[in-house]
Amino acid sequence: MEQTFFEWLQNTPPAIAVGEVWFPWVESAHVVFLAAVAGSILMVDARLLGFASQHLRISYLATRLLPLTWIAFLGAAVTGGLMFMANATNYIHNTPFLIKMVLLAVLGLNMLYFHLVTYRNVGQWDTGKPILAARAAGLLSTVLWLSVIVFGRWIGFV
């Protein structure tokens, strides 16, 4: 019988090591990285929505937080990948996991559109109340990140 890609992945030495020994540590690191990603993004979203840091320029806040966000995202992606490898044959059929992955893809598209289109003219709306497109991006980001957290937490209960 031919082994599927996910069976092969789950039987690699790193996947076995994570599954048998390191999973609690990797999962804990994943949660910390995810908290840093979501927290830094939600701070910018709160500013876009007019709920926080109204005395700061949006560009100032985004510039200061973006390096932390990317480092934390890289850590979350690596630890998430390791957890996936350890149980790939189950996760690939886990509905909350699949929904979380779709939500992350939509978040990526939202971020891409925001940075390539909406944020290009940030100088015109950097202070005060952001334009509608920026507020919509912030609201969508907030809803999607909270959904990622909920579905991520749900993965272990299915």
Protein backbone atom coordinates (compact mmCIF):
# COMPACT_ATOMS: atom_id res chain seq x y z
CA MET A 1 0.00 0.00 0.00
CA GLU A 2 1.36 3.38 -1.01
CA GLN A 3 1.94 5.89 1.74
CA THR A 4 0.25 9.28 1.36
CA PHE A 5 2.23 12.48 1.67
CA PHE A 6 0.64 13.15 5.06
CA GLU A 7 1.53 9.68 6.36
CA TRP A 8 5.10 10.17 5.16
CA LEU A 9 5.24 13.63 6.77
CA GLN A 10 3.92 12.32 10.07
CA ASN A 11 6.56 9.57 10.08
CA THR A 12 9.56 11.83 9.57
CA PRO A 13 12.00 12.03 12.51
CA PRO A 14 11.14 15.66 13.40
CA ALA A 15 7.42 14.86 13.40
CA ILE A 16 7.94 11.81 15.60
CA ALA A 17 10.12 13.80 18.01
CA VAL A 18 7.51 16.55 18.29
CA GLY A 19 4.65 14.05 18.66
CA GLU A 20 6.36 11.90 21.27
CA VAL A 21 8.38 14.43 23.30
CA TRP A 22 8.17 18.08 22.33
CA PHE A 23 4.50 18.70 21.57
CA PRO A 24 3.60 20.55 24.81
CA TRP A 25 6.64 22.82 24.42
CA VAL A 26 6.00 23.48 20.75
CA GLU A 27 2.31 24.14 21.42
CA SER A 28 3.16 26.56 24.24
CA ALA A 29 5.59 28.44 22.00
CA HIS A 30 2.92 28.52 19.27
CA VAL A 31 0.44 30.14 21.66
CA VAL A 32 3.02 32.76 22.73
CA PHE A 33 3.92 33.56 19.12
CA LEU A 34 0.26 33.72 18.13
CA ALA A 35 -0.48 36.07 21.04
CA ALA A 36 2.35 38.35 19.86
CA VAL A 37 1.11 38.27 16.25
CA ALA A 38 -2.53 38.87 17.10
CA GLY A 39 -1.72 41.37 19.85
CA SER A 40 0.48 43.53 17.66
CA ILE A 41 -1.99 43.42 14.79
CA LEU A 42 -4.95 44.12 17.05
CA MET A 43 -3.16 47.22 18.39
CA VAL A 44 -2.98 48.59 14.84
CA ASP A 45 -6.57 47.48 14.18
CA ALA A 46 -7.75 49.27 17.33
CA ARG A 47 -6.07 52.44 16.05
CA LEU A 48 -7.64 52.02 12.61
CA LEU A 49 -11.03 51.61 14.26
CA GLY A 50 -10.50 54.68 16.45
CA PHE A 51 -10.55 52.78 19.76
CA ALA A 52 -6.95 53.30 20.89
CA SER A 53 -3.75 55.30 20.44
CA GLN A 54 -5.56 58.14 18.71
CA HIS A 55 -2.67 60.47 19.55
CA LEU A 56 -0.27 58.32 17.46
CA ARG A 57 0.07 58.42 13.71
CA ILE A 58 -0.98 55.12 12.17
CA SER A 59 2.25 54.96 10.17
CA TYR A 60 4.30 55.39 13.37
CA LEU A 61 2.42 52.59 15.14
CA ALA A 62 2.57 50.25 12.14
CA THR A 63 6.28 50.88 11.54
CA ARG A 64 7.15 50.12 15.17
CA LEU A 65 5.01 46.98 15.40
CA LEU A 66 5.59 45.41 11.97
CA PRO A 67 9.01 43.86 12.77
CA LEU A 68 7.61 42.22 15.94
CA THR A 69 4.61 41.00 13.98
CA TRP A 70 6.73 39.35 11.28
CA ILE A 71 9.12 37.72 13.76
CA ALA A 72 6.20 36.38 15.79
CA PHE A 73 4.42 35.23 12.63
CA LEU A 74 7.51 33.30 11.55
CA GLY A 75 7.67 31.65 14.98
CA ALA A 76 3.95 30.81 14.85
CA ALA A 77 4.31 29.36 11.35
CA VAL A 78 7.28 27.18 12.32
CA THR A 79 5.69 25.90 15.53
CA GLY A 80 2.33 25.43 13.80
CA GLY A 81 4.05 23.50 11.03
CA LEU A 82 5.78 21.26 13.56
CA MET A 83 2.48 20.54 15.32
CA PHE A 84 0.85 19.78 11.98
CA MET A 85 3.66 17.38 11.05
CA ALA A 86 3.23 15.48 14.30
CA ASN A 87 -0.41 14.69 13.54
CA ALA A 88 -0.81 15.45 9.84
CA THR A 89 -3.16 12.56 9.01
CA ASN A 90 -5.67 13.77 11.59
CA TYR A 91 -5.31 17.53 11.08
CA ILE A 92 -5.91 17.28 7.35
CA HIS A 93 -9.46 16.06 8.15
CA ASN A 94 -10.02 18.36 11.16
CA THR A 95 -12.70 20.91 10.23
CA PRO A 96 -11.61 23.63 12.71
CA PHE A 97 -8.02 23.27 11.46
CA LEU A 98 -9.13 23.62 7.83
CA ILE A 99 -11.29 26.64 8.68
CA LYS A 100 -8.34 28.21 10.53
CA MET A 101 -6.15 27.76 7.45
CA VAL A 102 -8.77 29.37 5.20
CA LEU A 103 -9.11 32.27 7.67
CA LEU A 104 -5.33 32.75 7.66
CA ALA A 105 -5.38 32.88 3.85
CA VAL A 106 -8.15 35.50 3.93
CA LEU A 107 -6.15 37.44 6.52
CA GLY A 108 -3.18 37.38 4.17
CA LEU A 109 -5.31 38.75 1.34
CA ASN A 110 -6.73 41.46 3.61
CA MET A 111 -3.22 42.45 4.70
CA LEU A 112 -1.93 42.42 1.13
CA TYR A 113 -4.78 44.63 -0.10
CA PHE A 114 -4.39 46.98 2.85
CA HIS A 115 -0.65 47.44 2.36
CA LEU A 116 -0.66 47.59 -1.44
CA VAL A 117 -3.78 49.72 -1.92
CA THR A 118 -5.20 51.40 1.18
CA TYR A 119 -1.95 52.12 3.06
CA ARG A 120 -0.27 53.67 -0.01
CA ASN A 121 -2.09 56.93 0.75
CA VAL A 122 -1.60 56.81 4.52
CA GLY A 123 -0.12 60.31 4.49
CA GLN A 124 -3.59 61.65 3.68
CA TRP A 125 -5.26 59.97 6.67
CA ASP A 126 -2.39 59.21 9.05
CA THR A 127 -3.75 61.35 11.85
CA GLY A 128 -7.30 61.63 13.02
CA LYS A 129 -10.03 59.34 11.82
CA PRO A 130 -8.86 56.83 9.18
CA ILE A 131 -10.67 56.53 5.86
CA LEU A 132 -13.47 54.01 5.51
CA ALA A 133 -11.30 51.48 3.64
CA ALA A 134 -8.76 51.49 6.49
CA ARG A 135 -11.47 51.11 9.13
CA ALA A 136 -13.03 48.24 7.12
CA ALA A 137 -9.62 46.52 6.89
CA GLY A 138 -9.15 46.93 10.65
CA LEU A 139 -12.60 45.53 11.41
CA LEU A 140 -12.15 42.58 9.05
CA SER A 141 -8.70 41.88 10.50
CA THR A 142 -10.03 41.97 14.07
CA VAL A 143 -12.92 39.61 13.30
CA LEU A 144 -10.68 37.23 11.36
CA TRP A 145 -7.92 37.12 14.02
CA LEU A 146 -10.44 36.45 16.77
CA SER A 147 -11.90 33.70 14.57
CA VAL A 148 -8.42 32.19 14.00
CA ILE A 149 -7.93 32.07 17.77
CA VAL A 150 -11.34 30.44 18.34
CA PHE A 151 -10.90 27.83 15.60
CA GLY A 152 -7.29 27.20 16.64
CA ARG A 153 -8.43 26.49 20.17
CA TRP A 154 -11.21 24.24 18.85
CA ILE A 155 -8.79 22.02 16.88
CA GLY A 156 -7.89 19.86 19.87
CA PHE A 157 -11.51 19.11 20.73
CA VAL A 158 -12.54 17.51 17.44
